[in-house]
Amino acid sequence: MEIIEQSIIPKSPAKKCEDGIVITRDYIAVIDGSTSKTDRRFSFFRSNGRYCMQLVSRYIRHAKGNLTCRQFCNGVSAAVARHYSRSDIQRLALHPEERLTASAVVFSRLNREIWMIGDCHCLVGGQYYDNPKPYEQELAEQRADIISRSGLPPEHFLHHDTARDAIIPHMLETMQQQNKTYAVIDGFPIPQQCVRVITLDFQPWEIVLASDGYPFLLPTLAESEQRLKRQRRDDPLNIGTFKATKAFLPGNNSFDDRAYIRFRV
């Protein structure tokens, strides 16, 4: 495996990144810690998203190289679950919105497979693959519609995104389907049918793995960053050329943390 370029960039210079990259002999992975939607915290010093990203990173660094996708999913779920108490498990079974949650896209060298658990994305030989959460686009459309019908200037939503506030209850409702109709890493069993698996043959491949902080995934980091800058300039609310559930807030360089790695196998 030959690493060509990689980058991890927090959306705000003042905050630590909830996205991460792991490179071992047998795995290359991008991990995207999910932004908390409630006040429940499992660490005094880290956000839930960063905490979960670190737990998943640690698991991958120590994982056996010959794991199947199913074994990987079972193992990483158990690694996160160990950080819940028994009472946590009982409550979190009913309240998935409070769980430690992350998405990941993982390349397995021995299997020559890419495993997409959650809403990261990738390029394989220039072909784009994603694994979006159901309802995410619908919620982004709802937010865009609220902003369009409001008659308020864009500055209003850049300083206080009341349209996002309006869809948060719906986001919490859809999270009831977490690890039922879509897959994430949250300490609970991952439904294998919701994990996208890309199998590679033995010819050389150039691969890009990235978190969804890049709305437009392009073959190089420079191109992806340039396209992100254009999105920020032309559509900072993310309601036009790219619809999202949040905007580029003042002082931030993006609407989300982002991680990108390009390599050859």
C-alpha atoms as a PDB file:
ATOM      1  CA  MET A   1       0.000   0.000   0.000  1.00  0.00           C
ATOM      2  CA  GLU A   2       1.479   3.308  -1.111  1.00  0.00           C
ATOM      3  CA  ILE A   3       0.151   6.464   0.564  1.00  0.00           C
ATOM      4  CA  ILE A   4       0.022   9.382  -1.883  1.00  0.00           C
ATOM      5  CA  GLU A   5      -1.549  12.120   0.246  1.00  0.00           C
ATOM      6  CA  GLN A   6      -3.675  12.539   3.360  1.00  0.00           C
ATOM      7  CA  SER A   7      -5.247  15.300   5.410  1.00  0.00           C
ATOM      8  CA  ILE A   8      -7.360  15.805   8.545  1.00  0.00           C
ATOM      9  CA  ILE A   9      -8.866  19.281   8.959  1.00  0.00           C
ATOM     10  CA  PRO A  10     -11.248  20.460  11.703  1.00  0.00           C
ATOM     11  CA  LYS A  11     -14.091  22.708  10.594  1.00  0.00           C
ATOM     12  CA  SER A  12     -13.048  25.262  13.206  1.00  0.00           C
ATOM     13  CA  PRO A  13      -9.472  26.193  14.153  1.00  0.00           C
ATOM     14  CA  ALA A  14     -10.634  26.467  17.754  1.00  0.00           C
ATOM     15  CA  LYS A  15     -11.846  22.851  18.012  1.00  0.00           C
ATOM     16  CA  LYS A  16     -10.331  19.390  17.817  1.00  0.00           C
ATOM     17  CA  CYS A  17     -11.293  17.248  14.846  1.00  0.00           C
ATOM     18  CA  GLU A  18     -13.863  14.461  15.206  1.00  0.00           C
ATOM     19  CA  ASP A  19     -12.598  12.788  12.009  1.00  0.00           C
ATOM     20  CA  GLY A  20      -9.552  10.555  11.862  1.00  0.00           C
ATOM     21  CA  ILE A  21      -7.314   8.447   9.627  1.00  0.00           C
ATOM     22  CA  VAL A  22      -5.754   5.110  10.602  1.00  0.00           C
ATOM     23  CA  ILE A  23      -2.978   3.396   8.640  1.00  0.00           C
ATOM     24  CA  THR A  24      -1.662  -0.031   9.644  1.00  0.00           C
ATOM     25  CA  ARG A  25       0.002  -2.902   7.807  1.00  0.00           C
ATOM     26  CA  ASP A  26      -3.400  -4.387   6.964  1.00  0.00           C
ATOM     27  CA  TYR A  27      -5.941  -1.541   7.082  1.00  0.00           C
ATOM     28  CA  ILE A  28      -6.444   2.019   5.922  1.00  0.00           C
ATOM     29  CA  ALA A  29      -9.494   3.753   7.355  1.00  0.00           C
ATOM     30  CA  VAL A  30     -11.242   7.103   7.568  1.00  0.00           C
ATOM     31  CA  ILE A  31     -13.431   7.508  10.650  1.00  0.00           C
ATOM     32  CA  ASP A  32     -16.078  10.189  11.045  1.00  0.00           C
ATOM     33  CA  GLY A  33     -17.305  10.812  14.592  1.00  0.00           C
ATOM     34  CA  SER A  34     -20.945  11.908  14.618  1.00  0.00           C
ATOM     35  CA  THR A  35     -21.969  15.284  16.009  1.00  0.00           C
ATOM     36  CA  SER A  36     -24.004  14.891  19.219  1.00  0.00           C
ATOM     37  CA  LYS A  37     -27.681  15.788  18.931  1.00  0.00           C
ATOM     38  CA  THR A  38     -28.356  15.664  22.708  1.00  0.00           C
ATOM     39  CA  ASP A  39     -26.609  16.826  25.903  1.00  0.00           C
ATOM     40  CA  ARG A  40     -25.597  13.266  26.941  1.00  0.00           C
ATOM     41  CA  ARG A  41     -21.793  12.950  27.268  1.00  0.00           C
ATOM     42  CA  PHE A  42     -19.580   9.948  28.005  1.00  0.00           C
ATOM     43  CA  SER A  43     -16.367  11.920  28.558  1.00  0.00           C
ATOM     44  CA  PHE A  44     -15.645  15.152  30.417  1.00  0.00           C
ATOM     45  CA  PHE A  45     -12.842  16.053  28.033  1.00  0.00           C
ATOM     46  CA  ARG A  46     -14.067  14.969  24.574  1.00  0.00           C
ATOM     47  CA  SER A  47     -17.205  15.238  22.494  1.00  0.00           C
ATOM     48  CA  ASN A  48     -19.055  11.979  21.889  1.00  0.00           C
ATOM     49  CA  GLY A  49     -18.019  12.030  18.242  1.00  0.00           C
ATOM     50  CA  ARG A  50     -14.321  12.459  19.006  1.00  0.00           C
ATOM     51  CA  TYR A  51     -14.486   9.829  21.767  1.00  0.00           C
ATOM     52  CA  CYS A  52     -16.087   7.285  19.425  1.00  0.00           C
ATOM     53  CA  MET A  53     -13.614   8.080  16.648  1.00  0.00           C
ATOM     54  CA  GLN A  54     -10.728   7.435  19.046  1.00  0.00           C
ATOM     55  CA  LEU A  55     -12.224   4.125  20.210  1.00  0.00           C
ATOM     56  CA  VAL A  56     -12.666   2.938  16.621  1.00  0.00           C
ATOM     57  CA  SER A  57      -9.122   4.070  15.732  1.00  0.00           C
ATOM     58  CA  ARG A  58      -7.695   2.141  18.658  1.00  0.00           C
ATOM     59  CA  TYR A  59      -9.601  -0.989  17.673  1.00  0.00           C
ATOM     60  CA  ILE A  60      -8.349  -0.881  14.079  1.00  0.00           C
ATOM     61  CA  ARG A  61      -4.729  -0.359  15.174  1.00  0.00           C
ATOM     62  CA  HIS A  62      -4.848  -3.586  17.174  1.00  0.00           C
ATOM     63  CA  ALA A  63      -7.155  -5.651  14.931  1.00  0.00           C
ATOM     64  CA  LYS A  64      -5.996  -8.894  13.352  1.00  0.00           C
ATOM     65  CA  GLY A  65      -5.296  -8.445   9.666  1.00  0.00           C
ATOM     66  CA  ASN A  66      -7.402 -11.374   8.463  1.00  0.00           C
ATOM     67  CA  LEU A  67     -10.779 -10.240   9.830  1.00  0.00           C
ATOM     68  CA  THR A  68     -13.808 -10.617   7.590  1.00  0.00           C
ATOM     69  CA  CYS A  69     -16.198  -7.684   7.295  1.00  0.00           C
ATOM     70  CA  ARG A  70     -18.621  -9.374   9.687  1.00  0.00           C
ATOM     71  CA  GLN A  71     -15.871 -10.084  12.230  1.00  0.00           C
ATOM     72  CA  PHE A  72     -14.690  -6.489  11.974  1.00  0.00           C
ATOM     73  CA  CYS A  73     -18.206  -5.128  12.570  1.00  0.00           C
ATOM     74  CA  ASN A  74     -18.757  -7.410  15.556  1.00  0.00           C
ATOM     75  CA  GLY A  75     -15.358  -6.549  17.025  1.00  0.00           C
ATOM     76  CA  VAL A  76     -15.568  -2.784  16.646  1.00  0.00           C
ATOM     77  CA  SER A  77     -19.114  -2.780  18.071  1.00  0.00           C
ATOM     78  CA  ALA A  78     -17.906  -4.707  21.118  1.00  0.00           C
ATOM     79  CA  ALA A  79     -14.991  -2.275  21.528  1.00  0.00           C
ATOM     80  CA  VAL A  80     -17.390   0.669  21.770  1.00  0.00           C
ATOM     81  CA  ALA A  81     -19.918  -1.218  23.913  1.00  0.00           C
ATOM     82  CA  ARG A  82     -17.245  -1.842  26.566  1.00  0.00           C
ATOM     83  CA  HIS A  83     -17.422   1.869  27.365  1.00  0.00           C
ATOM     84  CA  TYR A  84     -21.114   1.674  28.290  1.00  0.00           C
ATOM     85  CA  SER A  85     -22.320   0.569  31.718  1.00  0.00           C
ATOM     86  CA  ARG A  86     -25.114  -1.972  32.094  1.00  0.00           C
ATOM     87  CA  SER A  87     -27.603   0.785  32.813  1.00  0.00           C
ATOM     88  CA  ASP A  88     -26.302   2.666  29.759  1.00  0.00           C
ATOM     89  CA  ILE A  89     -27.029  -0.337  27.532  1.00  0.00           C
ATOM     90  CA  GLN A  90     -30.634  -0.534  28.735  1.00  0.00           C
ATOM     91  CA  ARG A  91     -31.286   3.148  28.116  1.00  0.00           C
ATOM     92  CA  LEU A  92     -29.322   3.387  24.868  1.00  0.00           C
ATOM     93  CA  ALA A  93     -31.282   0.483  23.391  1.00  0.00           C
ATOM     94  CA  LEU A  94     -34.281   2.827  23.486  1.00  0.00           C
ATOM     95  CA  HIS A  95     -32.402   6.087  22.846  1.00  0.00           C
ATOM     96  CA  PRO A  96     -29.892   5.585  19.988  1.00  0.00           C
ATOM     97  CA  GLU A  97     -29.565   9.366  19.635  1.00  0.00           C
ATOM     98  CA  GLU A  98     -27.527   9.330  22.876  1.00  0.00           C
ATOM     99  CA  ARG A  99     -25.000   6.678  21.786  1.00  0.00           C
ATOM    100  CA  LEU A 100     -21.343   7.125  20.928  1.00  0.00           C
ATOM    101  CA  THR A 101     -21.568   7.055  17.136  1.00  0.00           C
ATOM    102  CA  ALA A 102     -19.200   7.067  14.173  1.00  0.00           C
ATOM    103  CA  SER A 103     -19.088   6.119  10.513  1.00  0.00           C
ATOM    104  CA  ALA A 104     -16.079   4.520   8.855  1.00  0.00           C
ATOM    105  CA  VAL A 105     -14.799   3.486   5.453  1.00  0.00           C
ATOM    106  CA  VAL A 106     -12.125   0.788   5.753  1.00  0.00           C
ATOM    107  CA  PHE A 107      -9.793  -0.819   3.217  1.00  0.00           C
ATOM    108  CA  SER A 108      -8.741  -4.371   4.125  1.00  0.00           C
ATOM    109  CA  ARG A 109      -5.452  -5.360   2.470  1.00  0.00           C
ATOM    110  CA  LEU A 110      -5.829  -9.129   2.864  1.00  0.00           C
ATOM    111  CA  ASN A 111      -9.466  -9.208   1.735  1.00  0.00           C
ATOM    112  CA  ARG A 112      -8.938  -6.526  -0.937  1.00  0.00           C
ATOM    113  CA  GLU A 113     -12.265  -5.079   0.121  1.00  0.00           C
ATOM    114  CA  ILE A 114     -13.564  -1.666   1.137  1.00  0.00           C
ATOM    115  CA  TRP A 115     -16.161  -1.675   3.922  1.00  0.00           C
ATOM    116  CA  MET A 116     -18.494   1.318   4.142  1.00  0.00           C
ATOM    117  CA  ILE A 117     -20.163   1.553   7.555  1.00  0.00           C
ATOM    118  CA  GLY A 118     -22.224   4.727   7.623  1.00  0.00           C
ATOM    119  CA  ASP A 119     -22.037   7.791   5.411  1.00  0.00           C
ATOM    120  CA  CYS A 120     -18.382   8.124   4.409  1.00  0.00           C
ATOM    121  CA  HIS A 121     -17.523   7.889   0.697  1.00  0.00           C
ATOM    122  CA  CYS A 122     -14.734   6.820  -1.654  1.00  0.00           C
ATOM    123  CA  LEU A 123     -13.304   6.772  -5.170  1.00  0.00           C
ATOM    124  CA  VAL A 124     -12.005   3.497  -6.604  1.00  0.00           C
ATOM    125  CA  GLY A 125     -10.214   3.887  -9.903  1.00  0.00           C
ATOM    126  CA  GLY A 126     -12.098   7.138 -10.376  1.00  0.00           C
ATOM    127  CA  GLN A 127     -15.533   5.588  -9.749  1.00  0.00           C
ATOM    128  CA  TYR A 128     -17.545   7.172  -6.943  1.00  0.00           C
ATOM    129  CA  TYR A 129     -19.216   5.158  -4.171  1.00  0.00           C
ATOM    130  CA  ASP A 130     -21.214   6.339  -1.160  1.00  0.00           C
ATOM    131  CA  ASN A 131     -23.433   4.842   1.509  1.00  0.00           C
ATOM    132  CA  PRO A 132     -25.734   7.683   2.618  1.00  0.00           C
ATOM    133  CA  LYS A 133     -28.034   7.550   5.599  1.00  0.00           C
ATOM    134  CA  PRO A 134     -31.691   7.236   4.641  1.00  0.00           C
ATOM    135  CA  TYR A 135     -33.678  10.413   5.284  1.00  0.00           C
ATOM    136  CA  GLU A 136     -30.549  12.632   5.328  1.00  0.00           C
ATOM    137  CA  GLN A 137     -31.290  14.119   1.911  1.00  0.00           C
ATOM    138  CA  GLU A 138     -34.959  14.518   2.778  1.00  0.00           C
ATOM    139  CA  LEU A 139     -34.043  16.469   5.920  1.00  0.00           C
ATOM    140  CA  ALA A 140     -31.610  18.626   3.942  1.00  0.00           C
ATOM    141  CA  GLU A 141     -34.409  19.395   1.475  1.00  0.00           C
ATOM    142  CA  GLN A 142     -36.719  20.344   4.370  1.00  0.00           C
ATOM    143  CA  ARG A 143     -34.116  22.723   5.766  1.00  0.00           C
ATOM    144  CA  ALA A 144     -33.546  24.311   2.341  1.00  0.00           C
ATOM    145  CA  ASP A 145     -37.296  24.776   1.917  1.00  0.00           C
ATOM    146  CA  ILE A 146     -37.637  26.440   5.336  1.00  0.00           C
ATOM    147  CA  ILE A 147     -34.877  28.915   4.446  1.00  0.00           C
ATOM    148  CA  SER A 148     -36.280  29.614   0.973  1.00  0.00           C
ATOM    149  CA  ARG A 149     -39.785  30.320   2.304  1.00  0.00           C
ATOM    150  CA  SER A 150     -38.648  32.390   5.297  1.00  0.00           C
ATOM    151  CA  GLY A 151     -37.949  35.633   3.444  1.00  0.00           C
ATOM    152  CA  LEU A 152     -35.070  36.257   5.859  1.00  0.00           C
ATOM    153  CA  PRO A 153     -31.603  37.310   4.666  1.00  0.00           C
ATOM    154  CA  PRO A 154     -28.884  34.629   4.497  1.00  0.00           C
ATOM    155  CA  GLU A 155     -26.986  36.331   7.333  1.00  0.00           C
ATOM    156  CA  HIS A 156     -29.775  35.351   9.737  1.00  0.00           C
ATOM    157  CA  PHE A 157     -29.160  31.624   9.172  1.00  0.00           C
ATOM    158  CA  LEU A 158     -25.376  31.977   9.112  1.00  0.00           C
ATOM    159  CA  HIS A 159     -25.438  33.394  12.642  1.00  0.00           C
ATOM    160  CA  HIS A 160     -28.295  31.296  14.017  1.00  0.00           C
ATOM    161  CA  ASP A 161     -29.503  28.472  11.818  1.00  0.00           C
ATOM    162  CA  THR A 162     -33.130  28.339  12.932  1.00  0.00           C
ATOM    163  CA  ALA A 163     -33.875  26.093   9.949  1.00  0.00           C
ATOM    164  CA  ARG A 164     -31.513  23.471  11.387  1.00  0.00           C
ATOM    165  CA  ASP A 165     -33.166  23.927  14.788  1.00  0.00           C
ATOM    166  CA  ALA A 166     -36.484  23.134  13.111  1.00  0.00           C
ATOM    167  CA  ILE A 167     -35.309  19.816  11.654  1.00  0.00           C
ATOM    168  CA  ILE A 168     -33.432  18.564  14.746  1.00  0.00           C
ATOM    169  CA  PRO A 169     -36.572  16.815  16.141  1.00  0.00           C
ATOM    170  CA  HIS A 170     -36.943  14.993  12.820  1.00  0.00           C
ATOM    171  CA  MET A 171     -33.250  14.051  12.898  1.00  0.00           C
ATOM    172  CA  LEU A 172     -33.739  12.528  16.340  1.00  0.00           C
ATOM    173  CA  GLU A 173     -36.745  10.569  15.062  1.00  0.00           C
ATOM    174  CA  THR A 174     -34.779   9.101  12.164  1.00  0.00           C
ATOM    175  CA  MET A 175     -32.026   8.030  14.558  1.00  0.00           C
ATOM    176  CA  GLN A 176     -34.461   5.472  15.951  1.00  0.00           C
ATOM    177  CA  GLN A 177     -33.559   3.504  12.804  1.00  0.00           C
ATOM    178  CA  GLN A 178     -29.844   3.529  13.657  1.00  0.00           C
ATOM    179  CA  ASN A 179     -28.424   0.040  13.062  1.00  0.00           C
ATOM    180  CA  LYS A 180     -31.832  -1.061  11.847  1.00  0.00           C
ATOM    181  CA  THR A 181     -32.276   0.478   8.385  1.00  0.00           C
ATOM    182  CA  TYR A 182     -28.786   2.000   8.194  1.00  0.00           C
ATOM    183  CA  ALA A 183     -25.420   1.103   9.684  1.00  0.00           C
ATOM    184  CA  VAL A 184     -23.156   3.026  12.043  1.00  0.00           C
ATOM    185  CA  ILE A 185     -20.616   2.092  14.696  1.00  0.00           C
ATOM    186  CA  ASP A 186     -22.299   2.730  18.043  1.00  0.00           C
ATOM    187  CA  GLY A 187     -21.702  -0.309  20.260  1.00  0.00           C
ATOM    188  CA  PHE A 188     -24.825  -2.123  19.050  1.00  0.00           C
ATOM    189  CA  PRO A 189     -25.022  -4.903  16.404  1.00  0.00           C
ATOM    190  CA  ILE A 190     -24.411  -3.669  12.849  1.00  0.00           C
ATOM    191  CA  PRO A 191     -26.806  -5.093  10.219  1.00  0.00           C
ATOM    192  CA  GLN A 192     -24.578  -6.578   7.531  1.00  0.00           C
ATOM    193  CA  GLN A 193     -27.055  -5.838   4.756  1.00  0.00           C
ATOM    194  CA  CYS A 194     -26.545  -2.112   5.465  1.00  0.00           C
ATOM    195  CA  VAL A 195     -22.753  -2.278   5.079  1.00  0.00           C
ATOM    196  CA  ARG A 196     -21.609  -1.579   1.529  1.00  0.00           C
ATOM    197  CA  VAL A 197     -18.736  -3.849   0.462  1.00  0.00           C
ATOM    198  CA  ILE A 198     -16.586  -3.093  -2.595  1.00  0.00           C
ATOM    199  CA  THR A 199     -14.429  -6.016  -3.742  1.00  0.00           C
ATOM    200  CA  LEU A 200     -11.269  -5.318  -5.736  1.00  0.00           C
ATOM    201  CA  ASP A 201      -9.521  -7.608  -8.187  1.00  0.00           C
ATOM    202  CA  PHE A 202      -5.726  -7.925  -8.175  1.00  0.00           C
ATOM    203  CA  GLN A 203      -4.902  -5.240 -10.702  1.00  0.00           C
ATOM    204  CA  PRO A 204      -3.413  -1.971  -9.343  1.00  0.00           C
ATOM    205  CA  TRP A 205      -5.971   0.489  -7.977  1.00  0.00           C
ATOM    206  CA  GLU A 206      -5.825   4.106  -6.865  1.00  0.00           C
ATOM    207  CA  ILE A 207      -8.266   4.699  -4.003  1.00  0.00           C
ATOM    208  CA  VAL A 208      -9.560   7.748  -2.150  1.00  0.00           C
ATOM    209  CA  LEU A 209     -11.315   7.365   1.206  1.00  0.00           C
ATOM    210  CA  ALA A 210     -12.953  10.421   2.771  1.00  0.00           C
ATOM    211  CA  SER A 211     -15.482  11.589   5.316  1.00  0.00           C
ATOM    212  CA  ASP A 212     -18.610  13.412   4.201  1.00  0.00           C
ATOM    213  CA  GLY A 213     -17.066  16.764   5.122  1.00  0.00           C
ATOM    214  CA  TYR A 214     -16.134  16.794   1.442  1.00  0.00           C
ATOM    215  CA  PRO A 215     -19.453  17.324  -0.387  1.00  0.00           C
ATOM    216  CA  PHE A 216     -17.717  16.755  -3.739  1.00  0.00           C
ATOM    217  CA  LEU A 217     -15.080  14.012  -3.688  1.00  0.00           C
ATOM    218  CA  LEU A 218     -12.474  14.481  -6.416  1.00  0.00           C
ATOM    219  CA  PRO A 219      -9.337  12.529  -7.413  1.00  0.00           C
ATOM    220  CA  THR A 220      -6.909  14.784  -5.525  1.00  0.00           C
ATOM    221  CA  LEU A 221      -6.959  16.587  -2.198  1.00  0.00           C
ATOM    222  CA  ALA A 222      -6.271  19.931  -3.872  1.00  0.00           C
ATOM    223  CA  GLU A 223      -9.247  19.517  -6.223  1.00  0.00           C
ATOM    224  CA  SER A 224     -11.552  18.448  -3.376  1.00  0.00           C
ATOM    225  CA  GLU A 225     -10.469  21.414  -1.242  1.00  0.00           C
ATOM    226  CA  GLN A 226     -10.917  23.824  -4.153  1.00  0.00           C
ATOM    227  CA  ARG A 227     -14.429  22.535  -4.816  1.00  0.00           C
ATOM    228  CA  LEU A 228     -15.263  22.919  -1.114  1.00  0.00           C
ATOM    229  CA  LYS A 229     -14.041  26.537  -1.196  1.00  0.00           C
ATOM    230  CA  ARG A 230     -16.246  27.215  -4.207  1.00  0.00           C
ATOM    231  CA  GLN A 231     -19.237  25.739  -2.373  1.00  0.00           C
ATOM    232  CA  ARG A 232     -18.546  27.980   0.634  1.00  0.00           C
ATOM    233  CA  ARG A 233     -18.280  31.045  -1.607  1.00  0.00           C
ATOM    234  CA  ASP A 234     -21.325  30.391  -3.804  1.00  0.00           C
ATOM    235  CA  ASP A 235     -23.732  28.586  -1.455  1.00  0.00           C
ATOM    236  CA  PRO A 236     -22.664  29.061   2.200  1.00  0.00           C
ATOM    237  CA  LEU A 237     -26.071  27.946   3.508  1.00  0.00           C
ATOM    238  CA  ASN A 238     -25.815  24.628   1.608  1.00  0.00           C
ATOM    239  CA  ILE A 239     -29.279  24.920   0.109  1.00  0.00           C
ATOM    240  CA  GLY A 240     -28.515  25.015  -3.632  1.00  0.00           C
ATOM    241  CA  THR A 241     -25.782  23.175  -5.512  1.00  0.00           C
ATOM    242  CA  PHE A 242     -25.305  20.994  -2.438  1.00  0.00           C
ATOM    243  CA  LYS A 243     -28.018  20.552   0.185  1.00  0.00           C
ATOM    244  CA  ALA A 244     -26.978  19.710   3.741  1.00  0.00           C
ATOM    245  CA  THR A 245     -28.456  19.818   7.226  1.00  0.00           C
ATOM    246  CA  LYS A 246     -26.036  22.578   8.271  1.00  0.00           C
ATOM    247  CA  ALA A 247     -24.284  25.638   6.875  1.00  0.00           C
ATOM    248  CA  PHE A 248     -20.789  27.142   6.822  1.00  0.00           C
ATOM    249  CA  LEU A 249     -20.799  29.110  10.076  1.00  0.00           C
ATOM    250  CA  PRO A 250     -18.803  32.350  10.424  1.00  0.00           C
ATOM    251  CA  GLY A 251     -15.211  31.683  11.492  1.00  0.00           C
ATOM    252  CA  ASN A 252     -15.288  28.076  10.271  1.00  0.00           C
ATOM    253  CA  ASN A 253     -13.421  26.869   7.189  1.00  0.00           C
ATOM    254  CA  SER A 254     -16.106  24.280   6.417  1.00  0.00           C
ATOM    255  CA  PHE A 255     -19.504  23.033   7.549  1.00  0.00           C
ATOM    256  CA  ASP A 256     -18.002  19.815   8.954  1.00  0.00           C
ATOM    257  CA  ASP A 257     -14.698  18.228   9.926  1.00  0.00           C
ATOM    258  CA  ARG A 258     -13.053  16.380   7.046  1.00  0.00           C
ATOM    259  CA  ALA A 259     -10.531  13.620   6.437  1.00  0.00           C
ATOM    260  CA  TYR A 260      -9.067  12.505   3.084  1.00  0.00           C
ATOM    261  CA  ILE A 261      -6.530   9.873   2.104  1.00  0.00           C
ATOM    262  CA  ARG A 262      -5.381   8.758  -1.366  1.00  0.00           C
ATOM    263  CA  PHE A 263      -3.315   5.620  -1.861  1.00  0.00           C
ATOM    264  CA  ARG A 264      -2.405   2.861  -4.323  1.00  0.00           C
ATOM    265  CA  VAL A 265      -2.707  -0.896  -3.844  1.00  0.00           C
END
